[in-house]
Amino acid sequence: MNHKENELVLLGEVLCAYEEYIPSDWTYVEDGYIKASITGRVVIDEDEKSISISSINAPSPLKVGDYVIGHITEVKQNKALVTIKMIKHNYREIVTGYKGFIHISKANEHFVSSLHDLFKIGDIVEAKVVNIHGAEYVDLSTSEEETGVIKAMCVDCRRFMKLNHETNNLVCECGKIDSRNISSHYGGI
């Protein structure tokens, strides 16, 4: 153990070896060590065997299992890049600028040959955090019913598209019909 309870630590500082405690709020694992993802004070929970960082007036920490809202900035065949804007249930912005990746295996519960069929650049998505890599990158999943595209723009005219509930397709005023990995929350943020 490198640090004591309530000790002040800086961003990226090693707190302890991964085997000593379970990483919790405002921490991440890198190279077998638990590190601080913000400047703050060390909090140790001996009952839970966890270590976290406490900060005054800090934004909510991003955790595995959180649902986030962001927009698609890049789509490749096997992965899509998401700029995360907020944690869903507290609607607080993410200050640290997390980038999320949706791998093709986590995009839908059914087989998908290309993510180009599910997402387009500019789509606003709701996704679940399944893994956190350091202070900037997270793995996301959109395979649950409530996750996926919640707002989409037409690729032809850039107007927001409406969901046809009978066909589960997106329809634009310009006549374009398209499909995406639609969330059960489509149309609402």
N, C-alpha and C. Protein backbone atom coordinates (compact mmCIF):
# COMPACT_ATOMS: atom_id res chain seq x y z
N MET A 1 0.85 -1.18 0.00
CA MET A 1 0.00 0.00 0.00
C MET A 1 0.89 1.23 0.00
N ASN A 2 0.69 2.09 -0.99
CA ASN A 2 1.52 3.29 -1.12
C ASN A 2 0.97 4.50 -0.37
N HIS A 3 -0.36 4.57 -0.20
CA HIS A 3 -0.97 5.76 0.39
C HIS A 3 -1.88 5.40 1.55
N LYS A 4 -2.05 6.37 2.46
CA LYS A 4 -2.89 6.19 3.64
C LYS A 4 -4.22 6.91 3.44
N GLU A 5 -5.20 6.51 4.25
CA GLU A 5 -6.53 7.14 4.26
C GLU A 5 -6.40 8.66 4.37
N ASN A 6 -7.18 9.37 3.55
CA ASN A 6 -7.30 10.84 3.57
C ASN A 6 -6.05 11.57 3.03
N GLU A 7 -5.07 10.83 2.53
CA GLU A 7 -3.87 11.45 1.97
C GLU A 7 -4.20 12.09 0.62
N LEU A 8 -3.64 13.26 0.36
CA LEU A 8 -3.84 13.95 -0.90
C LEU A 8 -3.00 13.29 -2.00
N VAL A 9 -3.64 12.99 -3.15
CA VAL A 9 -2.94 12.39 -4.28
C VAL A 9 -3.26 13.17 -5.55
N LEU A 10 -2.39 13.05 -6.53
CA LEU A 10 -2.55 13.73 -7.81
C LEU A 10 -3.03 12.77 -8.89
N LEU A 11 -3.58 13.33 -9.95
CA LEU A 11 -4.02 12.56 -11.11
C LEU A 11 -2.91 11.64 -11.60
N GLY A 12 -3.21 10.36 -11.78
CA GLY A 12 -2.25 9.39 -12.31
C GLY A 12 -1.33 8.78 -11.28
N GLU A 13 -1.42 9.22 -10.04
CA GLU A 13 -0.55 8.71 -8.99
C GLU A 13 -0.95 7.28 -8.61
N VAL A 14 0.06 6.42 -8.41
CA VAL A 14 -0.18 5.04 -8.00
C VAL A 14 -0.67 5.02 -6.56
N LEU A 15 -1.79 4.31 -6.34
CA LEU A 15 -2.35 4.19 -5.00
C LEU A 15 -1.90 2.91 -4.32
N CYS A 16 -1.93 1.80 -5.09
CA CYS A 16 -1.52 0.50 -4.55
C CYS A 16 -1.49 -0.51 -5.69
N ALA A 17 -1.03 -1.71 -5.39
CA ALA A 17 -1.07 -2.80 -6.37
C ALA A 17 -2.52 -3.26 -6.53
N TYR A 18 -2.86 -3.74 -7.70
CA TYR A 18 -4.22 -4.18 -8.01
C TYR A 18 -4.70 -5.27 -7.06
N GLU A 19 -3.79 -6.10 -6.56
CA GLU A 19 -4.15 -7.22 -5.68
C GLU A 19 -4.56 -6.76 -4.28
N GLU A 20 -4.21 -5.55 -3.89
CA GLU A 20 -4.46 -5.09 -2.52
C GLU A 20 -5.91 -4.66 -2.27
N TYR A 21 -6.50 -3.96 -3.24
CA TYR A 21 -7.85 -3.44 -3.07
C TYR A 21 -8.62 -3.55 -4.38
N ILE A 22 -9.93 -3.34 -4.29
CA ILE A 22 -10.80 -3.27 -5.45
C ILE A 22 -10.89 -1.80 -5.86
N PRO A 23 -10.61 -1.46 -7.12
CA PRO A 23 -10.70 -0.06 -7.53
C PRO A 23 -12.15 0.42 -7.50
N SER A 24 -12.36 1.64 -7.01
CA SER A 24 -13.71 2.20 -6.91
C SER A 24 -13.71 3.60 -7.52
N ASP A 25 -14.54 4.50 -6.99
CA ASP A 25 -14.72 5.83 -7.57
C ASP A 25 -13.41 6.57 -7.80
N TRP A 26 -13.30 7.14 -9.01
CA TRP A 26 -12.18 7.98 -9.40
C TRP A 26 -10.84 7.26 -9.38
N THR A 27 -10.86 5.96 -9.69
CA THR A 27 -9.62 5.20 -9.83
C THR A 27 -9.68 4.39 -11.12
N TYR A 28 -8.53 3.92 -11.55
CA TYR A 28 -8.46 3.03 -12.71
C TYR A 28 -7.25 2.12 -12.54
N VAL A 29 -7.23 1.03 -13.31
CA VAL A 29 -6.14 0.07 -13.23
C VAL A 29 -5.28 0.21 -14.47
N GLU A 30 -3.96 0.29 -14.25
CA GLU A 30 -3.01 0.36 -15.35
C GLU A 30 -1.73 -0.34 -14.94
N ASP A 31 -1.28 -1.27 -15.76
CA ASP A 31 -0.02 -2.00 -15.51
C ASP A 31 0.01 -2.67 -14.14
N GLY A 32 -1.14 -3.18 -13.69
CA GLY A 32 -1.20 -3.90 -12.42
C GLY A 32 -1.30 -3.03 -11.18
N TYR A 33 -1.47 -1.73 -11.38
CA TYR A 33 -1.59 -0.80 -10.25
C TYR A 33 -2.90 -0.04 -10.32
N ILE A 34 -3.46 0.28 -9.16
CA ILE A 34 -4.62 1.15 -9.09
C ILE A 34 -4.10 2.58 -8.99
N LYS A 35 -4.62 3.46 -9.88
CA LYS A 35 -4.15 4.84 -9.94
C LYS A 35 -5.32 5.81 -9.76
N ALA A 36 -4.99 7.03 -9.36
CA ALA A 36 -5.99 8.08 -9.17
C ALA A 36 -6.35 8.70 -10.51
N SER A 37 -7.65 8.82 -10.80
CA SER A 37 -8.06 9.46 -12.05
C SER A 37 -8.38 10.94 -11.86
N ILE A 38 -8.30 11.43 -10.63
CA ILE A 38 -8.43 12.86 -10.33
C ILE A 38 -7.52 13.19 -9.15
N THR A 39 -7.30 14.47 -8.93
CA THR A 39 -6.61 14.92 -7.71
C THR A 39 -7.64 14.93 -6.58
N GLY A 40 -7.28 14.34 -5.45
CA GLY A 40 -8.22 14.28 -4.34
C GLY A 40 -7.63 13.54 -3.16
N ARG A 41 -8.49 13.09 -2.26
CA ARG A 41 -8.07 12.39 -1.05
C ARG A 41 -8.42 10.91 -1.13
N VAL A 42 -7.51 10.08 -0.61
CA VAL A 42 -7.68 8.62 -0.63
C VAL A 42 -8.78 8.23 0.37
N VAL A 43 -9.68 7.35 -0.08
CA VAL A 43 -10.72 6.78 0.77
C VAL A 43 -10.59 5.26 0.70
N ILE A 44 -10.41 4.62 1.86
CA ILE A 44 -10.25 3.17 1.92
C ILE A 44 -11.43 2.58 2.69
N ASP A 45 -12.08 1.59 2.09
CA ASP A 45 -13.16 0.87 2.76
C ASP A 45 -12.66 -0.54 3.05
N GLU A 46 -12.25 -0.77 4.28
CA GLU A 46 -11.69 -2.08 4.66
C GLU A 46 -12.73 -3.18 4.61
N ASP A 47 -14.00 -2.86 4.87
CA ASP A 47 -15.06 -3.88 4.81
C ASP A 47 -15.24 -4.39 3.39
N GLU A 48 -15.25 -3.47 2.43
CA GLU A 48 -15.42 -3.83 1.02
C GLU A 48 -14.09 -4.12 0.34
N LYS A 49 -12.99 -3.83 1.02
CA LYS A 49 -11.64 -3.96 0.45
C LYS A 49 -11.51 -3.13 -0.84
N SER A 50 -12.04 -1.90 -0.79
CA SER A 50 -11.99 -1.03 -1.97
C SER A 50 -11.23 0.25 -1.64
N ILE A 51 -10.72 0.87 -2.70
CA ILE A 51 -10.01 2.14 -2.58
C ILE A 51 -10.59 3.10 -3.60
N SER A 52 -10.81 4.35 -3.20
CA SER A 52 -11.37 5.35 -4.09
C SER A 52 -10.73 6.70 -3.78
N ILE A 53 -11.10 7.69 -4.60
CA ILE A 53 -10.62 9.05 -4.40
C ILE A 53 -11.84 9.94 -4.18
N SER A 54 -11.75 10.83 -3.22
CA SER A 54 -12.82 11.78 -2.92
C SER A 54 -12.37 13.17 -3.32
N SER A 55 -13.26 13.91 -3.99
CA SER A 55 -12.93 15.26 -4.40
C SER A 55 -14.12 16.17 -4.14
N ILE A 56 -13.87 17.36 -3.67
CA ILE A 56 -14.93 18.33 -3.43
C ILE A 56 -15.37 18.93 -4.76
N ASN A 57 -16.68 18.98 -4.97
CA ASN A 57 -17.29 19.54 -6.18
C ASN A 57 -16.85 18.85 -7.46
N ALA A 58 -16.52 17.59 -7.38
CA ALA A 58 -16.12 16.85 -8.57
C ALA A 58 -17.35 16.38 -9.33
N PRO A 59 -17.24 16.22 -10.64
CA PRO A 59 -18.34 15.62 -11.39
C PRO A 59 -18.49 14.17 -10.97
N SER A 60 -19.64 13.59 -11.29
CA SER A 60 -19.86 12.19 -10.94
C SER A 60 -18.83 11.31 -11.64
N PRO A 61 -18.26 10.34 -10.93
CA PRO A 61 -17.30 9.45 -11.59
C PRO A 61 -18.03 8.49 -12.52
N LEU A 62 -17.40 8.14 -13.60
CA LEU A 62 -17.94 7.17 -14.53
C LEU A 62 -17.59 5.79 -14.00
N LYS A 63 -18.60 4.89 -13.93
CA LYS A 63 -18.39 3.56 -13.38
C LYS A 63 -18.92 2.50 -14.35
N VAL A 64 -18.36 1.31 -14.24
CA VAL A 64 -18.89 0.17 -15.00
C VAL A 64 -20.34 -0.02 -14.57
N GLY A 65 -21.22 -0.18 -15.55
CA GLY A 65 -22.64 -0.33 -15.28
C GLY A 65 -23.44 0.95 -15.49
N ASP A 66 -22.75 2.11 -15.56
CA ASP A 66 -23.44 3.37 -15.81
C ASP A 66 -23.98 3.40 -17.24
N TYR A 67 -25.10 4.09 -17.41
CA TYR A 67 -25.63 4.35 -18.74
C TYR A 67 -25.24 5.78 -19.11
N VAL A 68 -24.69 5.94 -20.30
CA VAL A 68 -24.19 7.24 -20.74
C VAL A 68 -24.85 7.66 -22.04
N ILE A 69 -24.80 8.96 -22.31
CA ILE A 69 -25.31 9.51 -23.56
C ILE A 69 -24.15 10.21 -24.27
N GLY A 70 -24.03 9.95 -25.56
CA GLY A 70 -22.98 10.56 -26.34
C GLY A 70 -23.35 10.56 -27.81
N HIS A 71 -22.42 11.00 -28.64
CA HIS A 71 -22.70 10.99 -30.07
C HIS A 71 -21.60 10.24 -30.82
N ILE A 72 -22.02 9.60 -31.89
CA ILE A 72 -21.11 8.82 -32.73
C ILE A 72 -20.24 9.78 -33.54
N THR A 73 -18.92 9.59 -33.45
CA THR A 73 -18.01 10.46 -34.20
C THR A 73 -17.27 9.72 -35.32
N GLU A 74 -17.28 8.39 -35.25
CA GLU A 74 -16.61 7.59 -36.28
C GLU A 74 -17.22 6.20 -36.29
N VAL A 75 -17.41 5.65 -37.48
CA VAL A 75 -17.95 4.29 -37.61
C VAL A 75 -17.04 3.50 -38.54
N LYS A 76 -16.57 2.37 -38.04
CA LYS A 76 -15.81 1.42 -38.86
C LYS A 76 -16.59 0.12 -38.87
N GLN A 77 -16.14 -0.85 -39.64
CA GLN A 77 -16.87 -2.10 -39.75
C GLN A 77 -17.03 -2.78 -38.39
N ASN A 78 -15.97 -2.79 -37.56
CA ASN A 78 -16.00 -3.54 -36.31
C ASN A 78 -16.14 -2.70 -35.05
N LYS A 79 -16.05 -1.38 -35.16
CA LYS A 79 -16.20 -0.55 -33.96
C LYS A 79 -16.70 0.84 -34.31
N ALA A 80 -17.35 1.44 -33.32
CA ALA A 80 -17.83 2.82 -33.46
C ALA A 80 -17.27 3.63 -32.30
N LEU A 81 -16.86 4.86 -32.59
CA LEU A 81 -16.31 5.76 -31.58
C LEU A 81 -17.41 6.71 -31.11
N VAL A 82 -17.53 6.84 -29.78
CA VAL A 82 -18.55 7.69 -29.18
C VAL A 82 -17.87 8.74 -28.30
N THR A 83 -18.24 10.00 -28.47
CA THR A 83 -17.82 11.04 -27.53
C THR A 83 -18.91 11.10 -26.46
N ILE A 84 -18.53 10.74 -25.23
CA ILE A 84 -19.50 10.68 -24.14
C ILE A 84 -19.72 12.08 -23.59
N LYS A 85 -20.99 12.45 -23.46
CA LYS A 85 -21.35 13.79 -23.00
C LYS A 85 -21.88 13.81 -21.57
N MET A 86 -22.59 12.75 -21.15
CA MET A 86 -23.16 12.77 -19.80
C MET A 86 -23.49 11.37 -19.30
N ILE A 87 -23.58 11.26 -17.98
CA ILE A 87 -24.10 10.05 -17.35
C ILE A 87 -25.61 10.20 -17.33
N LYS A 88 -26.33 9.17 -17.74
CA LYS A 88 -27.76 9.31 -17.97
C LYS A 88 -28.57 9.72 -16.75
N HIS A 89 -28.48 9.01 -15.65
CA HIS A 89 -29.45 9.21 -14.58
C HIS A 89 -29.22 10.45 -13.73
N ASN A 90 -28.06 11.07 -13.82
CA ASN A 90 -27.91 12.33 -13.08
C ASN A 90 -27.76 13.52 -14.03
N TYR A 91 -27.72 13.25 -15.34
CA TYR A 91 -27.64 14.27 -16.37
C TYR A 91 -26.55 15.31 -16.11
N ARG A 92 -25.44 14.83 -15.55
CA ARG A 92 -24.28 15.71 -15.35
C ARG A 92 -23.31 15.47 -16.48
N GLU A 93 -22.75 16.56 -16.99
CA GLU A 93 -21.78 16.43 -18.07
C GLU A 93 -20.52 15.75 -17.58
N ILE A 94 -19.85 15.08 -18.50
CA ILE A 94 -18.57 14.45 -18.22
C ILE A 94 -17.50 15.49 -18.53
N VAL A 95 -16.75 15.89 -17.54
CA VAL A 95 -15.75 16.94 -17.73
C VAL A 95 -14.46 16.37 -18.31
N THR A 96 -14.16 15.10 -18.01
CA THR A 96 -12.87 14.54 -18.38
C THR A 96 -12.76 14.13 -19.84
N GLY A 97 -13.82 14.20 -20.61
CA GLY A 97 -13.75 13.93 -22.03
C GLY A 97 -13.53 12.47 -22.38
N TYR A 98 -14.35 11.58 -21.84
CA TYR A 98 -14.23 10.16 -22.16
C TYR A 98 -14.60 9.88 -23.60
N LYS A 99 -13.87 8.97 -24.20
CA LYS A 99 -14.19 8.43 -25.51
C LYS A 99 -14.63 6.99 -25.29
N GLY A 100 -15.71 6.61 -25.93
CA GLY A 100 -16.20 5.25 -25.79
C GLY A 100 -16.11 4.50 -27.10
N PHE A 101 -15.90 3.20 -26.99
CA PHE A 101 -15.85 2.34 -28.16
C PHE A 101 -16.94 1.29 -28.05
N ILE A 102 -17.72 1.16 -29.12
CA ILE A 102 -18.70 0.08 -29.21
C ILE A 102 -18.12 -0.94 -30.17
N HIS A 103 -17.74 -2.10 -29.66
CA HIS A 103 -17.23 -3.17 -30.51
C HIS A 103 -18.41 -3.90 -31.13
N ILE A 104 -18.23 -4.45 -32.30
CA ILE A 104 -19.31 -5.12 -33.01
C ILE A 104 -19.95 -6.23 -32.18
N SER A 105 -19.16 -6.89 -31.33
CA SER A 105 -19.70 -7.98 -30.50
C SER A 105 -20.59 -7.47 -29.37
N LYS A 106 -20.51 -6.17 -29.06
CA LYS A 106 -21.31 -5.58 -27.98
C LYS A 106 -22.39 -4.63 -28.51
N ALA A 107 -22.57 -4.58 -29.83
CA ALA A 107 -23.47 -3.60 -30.43
C ALA A 107 -24.93 -4.05 -30.46
N ASN A 108 -25.16 -5.34 -30.61
CA ASN A 108 -26.52 -5.83 -30.76
C ASN A 108 -26.57 -7.27 -30.28
N GLU A 109 -27.73 -7.71 -29.83
CA GLU A 109 -27.83 -9.10 -29.36
C GLU A 109 -27.85 -10.11 -30.51
N HIS A 110 -28.09 -9.62 -31.72
CA HIS A 110 -28.10 -10.48 -32.91
C HIS A 110 -26.80 -10.29 -33.70
N PHE A 111 -26.52 -11.22 -34.61
CA PHE A 111 -25.33 -11.12 -35.45
C PHE A 111 -25.40 -9.86 -36.32
N VAL A 112 -24.28 -9.17 -36.42
CA VAL A 112 -24.16 -7.97 -37.24
C VAL A 112 -22.88 -8.11 -38.06
N SER A 113 -22.97 -7.87 -39.37
CA SER A 113 -21.78 -8.00 -40.22
C SER A 113 -20.97 -6.71 -40.27
N SER A 114 -21.62 -5.57 -40.05
CA SER A 114 -20.92 -4.28 -40.08
C SER A 114 -21.66 -3.26 -39.22
N LEU A 115 -20.90 -2.47 -38.48
CA LEU A 115 -21.53 -1.42 -37.67
C LEU A 115 -22.09 -0.29 -38.52
N HIS A 116 -21.71 -0.23 -39.79
CA HIS A 116 -22.29 0.76 -40.70
C HIS A 116 -23.79 0.55 -40.84
N ASP A 117 -24.28 -0.66 -40.56
CA ASP A 117 -25.71 -0.96 -40.62
C ASP A 117 -26.46 -0.47 -39.38
N LEU A 118 -25.73 -0.19 -38.30
CA LEU A 118 -26.37 0.15 -37.02
C LEU A 118 -26.22 1.61 -36.60
N PHE A 119 -25.13 2.24 -37.01
CA PHE A 119 -24.83 3.60 -36.55
C PHE A 119 -24.35 4.46 -37.71
N LYS A 120 -24.61 5.76 -37.59
CA LYS A 120 -24.10 6.76 -38.54
C LYS A 120 -23.46 7.88 -37.72
N ILE A 121 -22.50 8.57 -38.32
CA ILE A 121 -21.85 9.71 -37.65
C ILE A 121 -22.92 10.75 -37.31
N GLY A 122 -22.88 11.23 -36.08
CA GLY A 122 -23.84 12.22 -35.60
C GLY A 122 -24.99 11.64 -34.81
N ASP A 123 -25.20 10.32 -34.88
CA ASP A 123 -26.26 9.70 -34.08
C ASP A 123 -26.00 9.93 -32.60
N ILE A 124 -27.06 10.19 -31.86
CA ILE A 124 -26.96 10.31 -30.41
C ILE A 124 -27.37 8.96 -29.84
N VAL A 125 -26.51 8.41 -28.98
CA VAL A 125 -26.74 7.07 -28.46
C VAL A 125 -26.77 7.04 -26.94
N GLU A 126 -27.50 6.05 -26.44
CA GLU A 126 -27.44 5.69 -25.03
C GLU A 126 -26.73 4.35 -24.98
N ALA A 127 -25.72 4.23 -24.12
CA ALA A 127 -24.93 3.01 -24.05
C ALA A 127 -24.58 2.69 -22.60
N LYS A 128 -24.24 1.44 -22.38
CA LYS A 128 -23.85 0.99 -21.04
C LYS A 128 -22.33 0.83 -20.98
N VAL A 129 -21.72 1.35 -19.91
CA VAL A 129 -20.27 1.22 -19.72
C VAL A 129 -19.99 -0.21 -19.25
N VAL A 130 -19.15 -0.93 -20.01
CA VAL A 130 -18.81 -2.32 -19.64
C VAL A 130 -17.37 -2.47 -19.18
N ASN A 131 -16.52 -1.49 -19.48
CA ASN A 131 -15.13 -1.54 -19.04
C ASN A 131 -14.54 -0.13 -19.13
N ILE A 132 -13.62 0.18 -18.22
CA ILE A 132 -12.95 1.49 -18.22
C ILE A 132 -11.45 1.26 -18.36
N HIS A 133 -10.85 1.95 -19.35
CA HIS A 133 -9.41 1.84 -19.61
C HIS A 133 -8.76 3.18 -19.29
N GLY A 134 -8.17 3.30 -18.12
CA GLY A 134 -7.49 4.54 -17.75
C GLY A 134 -8.45 5.69 -17.54
N ALA A 135 -7.94 6.89 -17.78
CA ALA A 135 -8.71 8.09 -17.49
C ALA A 135 -9.47 8.63 -18.69
N GLU A 136 -9.39 7.97 -19.86
CA GLU A 136 -10.00 8.55 -21.05
C GLU A 136 -10.89 7.61 -21.86
N TYR A 137 -10.66 6.31 -21.83
CA TYR A 137 -11.34 5.40 -22.75
C TYR A 137 -12.20 4.39 -22.02
N VAL A 138 -13.38 4.11 -22.60
CA VAL A 138 -14.28 3.11 -22.04
C VAL A 138 -14.84 2.24 -23.15
N ASP A 139 -15.17 1.00 -22.79
CA ASP A 139 -15.87 0.10 -23.69
C ASP A 139 -17.35 0.23 -23.39
N LEU A 140 -18.16 0.28 -24.46
CA LEU A 140 -19.59 0.46 -24.32
C LEU A 140 -20.35 -0.69 -24.96
N SER A 141 -21.58 -0.89 -24.50
CA SER A 141 -22.46 -1.89 -25.08
C SER A 141 -23.80 -1.24 -25.42
N THR A 142 -24.35 -1.62 -26.57
CA THR A 142 -25.70 -1.18 -26.96
C THR A 142 -26.58 -2.38 -27.26
N SER A 143 -26.31 -3.50 -26.60
CA SER A 143 -27.05 -4.72 -26.89
C SER A 143 -28.33 -4.87 -26.07
N GLU A 144 -28.55 -4.01 -25.07
CA GLU A 144 -29.79 -4.07 -24.30
C GLU A 144 -30.88 -3.27 -25.01
N GLU A 145 -32.13 -3.59 -24.73
CA GLU A 145 -33.26 -2.96 -25.42
C GLU A 145 -33.29 -1.44 -25.26
N GLU A 146 -32.94 -0.95 -24.06
CA GLU A 146 -33.01 0.50 -23.83
C GLU A 146 -31.78 1.25 -24.33
N THR A 147 -30.78 0.53 -24.83
CA THR A 147 -29.58 1.18 -25.35
C THR A 147 -29.61 1.19 -26.88
N GLY A 148 -28.83 2.09 -27.45
CA GLY A 148 -28.76 2.22 -28.90
C GLY A 148 -29.00 3.67 -29.29
N VAL A 149 -29.41 3.87 -30.53
CA VAL A 149 -29.63 5.22 -31.05
C VAL A 149 -30.90 5.81 -30.45
N ILE A 150 -30.78 7.02 -29.87
CA ILE A 150 -31.96 7.69 -29.31
C ILE A 150 -32.36 8.92 -30.13
N LYS A 151 -31.49 9.38 -31.01
CA LYS A 151 -31.79 10.45 -31.97
C LYS A 151 -30.89 10.22 -33.18
N ALA A 152 -31.48 10.36 -34.36
CA ALA A 152 -30.70 10.17 -35.59
C ALA A 152 -31.07 11.24 -36.60
N MET A 153 -30.08 11.66 -37.37
CA MET A 153 -30.32 12.62 -38.43
C MET A 153 -30.26 11.91 -39.77
N CYS A 154 -31.04 12.40 -40.67
CA CYS A 154 -31.06 11.88 -42.03
C CYS A 154 -29.69 12.11 -42.67
N VAL A 155 -29.18 11.10 -43.36
CA VAL A 155 -27.87 11.23 -44.00
C VAL A 155 -27.95 12.11 -45.26
N ASP A 156 -29.16 12.34 -45.78
CA ASP A 156 -29.32 13.17 -46.97
C ASP A 156 -29.53 14.65 -46.65
N CYS A 157 -30.45 14.94 -45.71
CA CYS A 157 -30.81 16.35 -45.47
C CYS A 157 -30.46 16.84 -44.06
N ARG A 158 -29.99 15.97 -43.17
CA ARG A 158 -29.55 16.28 -41.80
C ARG A 158 -30.69 16.74 -40.88
N ARG A 159 -31.94 16.40 -41.21
CA ARG A 159 -33.05 16.64 -40.28
C ARG A 159 -33.16 15.43 -39.36
N PHE A 160 -33.71 15.67 -38.15
CA PHE A 160 -33.94 14.54 -37.25
C PHE A 160 -35.02 13.64 -37.82
N MET A 161 -34.81 12.34 -37.69
CA MET A 161 -35.73 11.35 -38.25
C MET A 161 -36.71 10.88 -37.18
N LYS A 162 -37.90 10.48 -37.63
CA LYS A 162 -38.93 9.97 -36.72
C LYS A 162 -38.98 8.45 -36.84
N LEU A 163 -39.33 7.80 -35.74
CA LEU A 163 -39.41 6.34 -35.70
C LEU A 163 -40.80 5.89 -36.12
N ASN A 164 -40.85 4.99 -37.12
CA ASN A 164 -42.09 4.31 -37.48
C ASN A 164 -42.17 3.07 -36.60
N HIS A 165 -43.05 3.07 -35.61
CA HIS A 165 -43.12 1.99 -34.63
C HIS A 165 -43.57 0.66 -35.24
N GLU A 166 -44.29 0.69 -36.36
CA GLU A 166 -44.75 -0.55 -37.00
C GLU A 166 -43.60 -1.28 -37.69
N THR A 167 -42.73 -0.53 -38.37
CA THR A 167 -41.63 -1.16 -39.12
C THR A 167 -40.30 -1.08 -38.38
N ASN A 168 -40.24 -0.27 -37.32
CA ASN A 168 -39.01 -0.02 -36.56
C ASN A 168 -37.92 0.62 -37.43
N ASN A 169 -38.36 1.32 -38.49
CA ASN A 169 -37.46 2.07 -39.35
C ASN A 169 -37.56 3.55 -39.03
N LEU A 170 -36.54 4.29 -39.43
CA LEU A 170 -36.53 5.74 -39.26
C LEU A 170 -36.98 6.38 -40.57
N VAL A 171 -37.84 7.39 -40.46
CA VAL A 171 -38.41 8.05 -41.62
C VAL A 171 -38.13 9.54 -41.52
N CYS A 172 -37.71 10.12 -42.65
CA CYS A 172 -37.43 11.56 -42.70
C CYS A 172 -38.48 12.27 -43.55
N GLU A 173 -38.66 13.56 -43.30
CA GLU A 173 -39.58 14.38 -44.09
C GLU A 173 -39.21 14.39 -45.57
N CYS A 174 -37.91 14.21 -45.88
CA CYS A 174 -37.46 14.23 -47.27
C CYS A 174 -37.78 12.92 -48.01
N GLY A 175 -38.29 11.93 -47.28
CA GLY A 175 -38.66 10.66 -47.89
C GLY A 175 -37.67 9.53 -47.63
N LYS A 176 -36.53 9.84 -47.08
CA LYS A 176 -35.51 8.83 -46.78
C LYS A 176 -36.00 7.89 -45.67
N ILE A 177 -35.80 6.60 -45.87
CA ILE A 177 -36.10 5.58 -44.86
C ILE A 177 -34.79 4.89 -44.53
N ASP A 178 -34.51 4.74 -43.25
CA ASP A 178 -33.23 4.19 -42.82
C ASP A 178 -33.45 3.31 -41.60
N SER A 179 -32.46 2.52 -41.28
CA SER A 179 -32.53 1.68 -40.07
C SER A 179 -31.27 1.91 -39.25
N ARG A 180 -31.40 1.70 -37.95
CA ARG A 180 -30.29 1.83 -37.01
C ARG A 180 -30.51 0.82 -35.89
N ASN A 181 -29.60 0.81 -34.95
CA ASN A 181 -29.75 0.03 -33.72
C ASN A 181 -30.57 0.91 -32.77
N ILE A 182 -31.88 0.83 -32.87
CA ILE A 182 -32.79 1.75 -32.19
C ILE A 182 -32.97 1.37 -30.72
N SER A 183 -32.87 2.36 -29.85
CA SER A 183 -33.15 2.21 -28.42
C SER A 183 -34.66 2.26 -28.20
N SER A 184 -35.12 1.60 -27.13
CA SER A 184 -36.54 1.72 -26.77
C SER A 184 -36.85 3.13 -26.28
N HIS A 185 -35.82 3.94 -26.04
CA HIS A 185 -35.99 5.33 -25.62
C HIS A 185 -35.87 6.30 -26.80
N TYR A 186 -35.98 5.82 -28.05
CA TYR A 186 -35.77 6.69 -29.20
C TYR A 186 -36.69 7.91 -29.13
N GLY A 187 -36.10 9.07 -29.42
CA GLY A 187 -36.85 10.32 -29.46
C GLY A 187 -36.79 11.12 -28.18
N GLY A 188 -36.31 10.54 -27.11
CA GLY A 188 -36.25 11.27 -25.84
C GLY A 188 -34.85 11.28 -25.29
N ILE A 189 -34.50 12.40 -24.69
CA ILE A 189 -33.19 12.49 -24.03
C ILE A 189 -33.44 12.91 -22.61
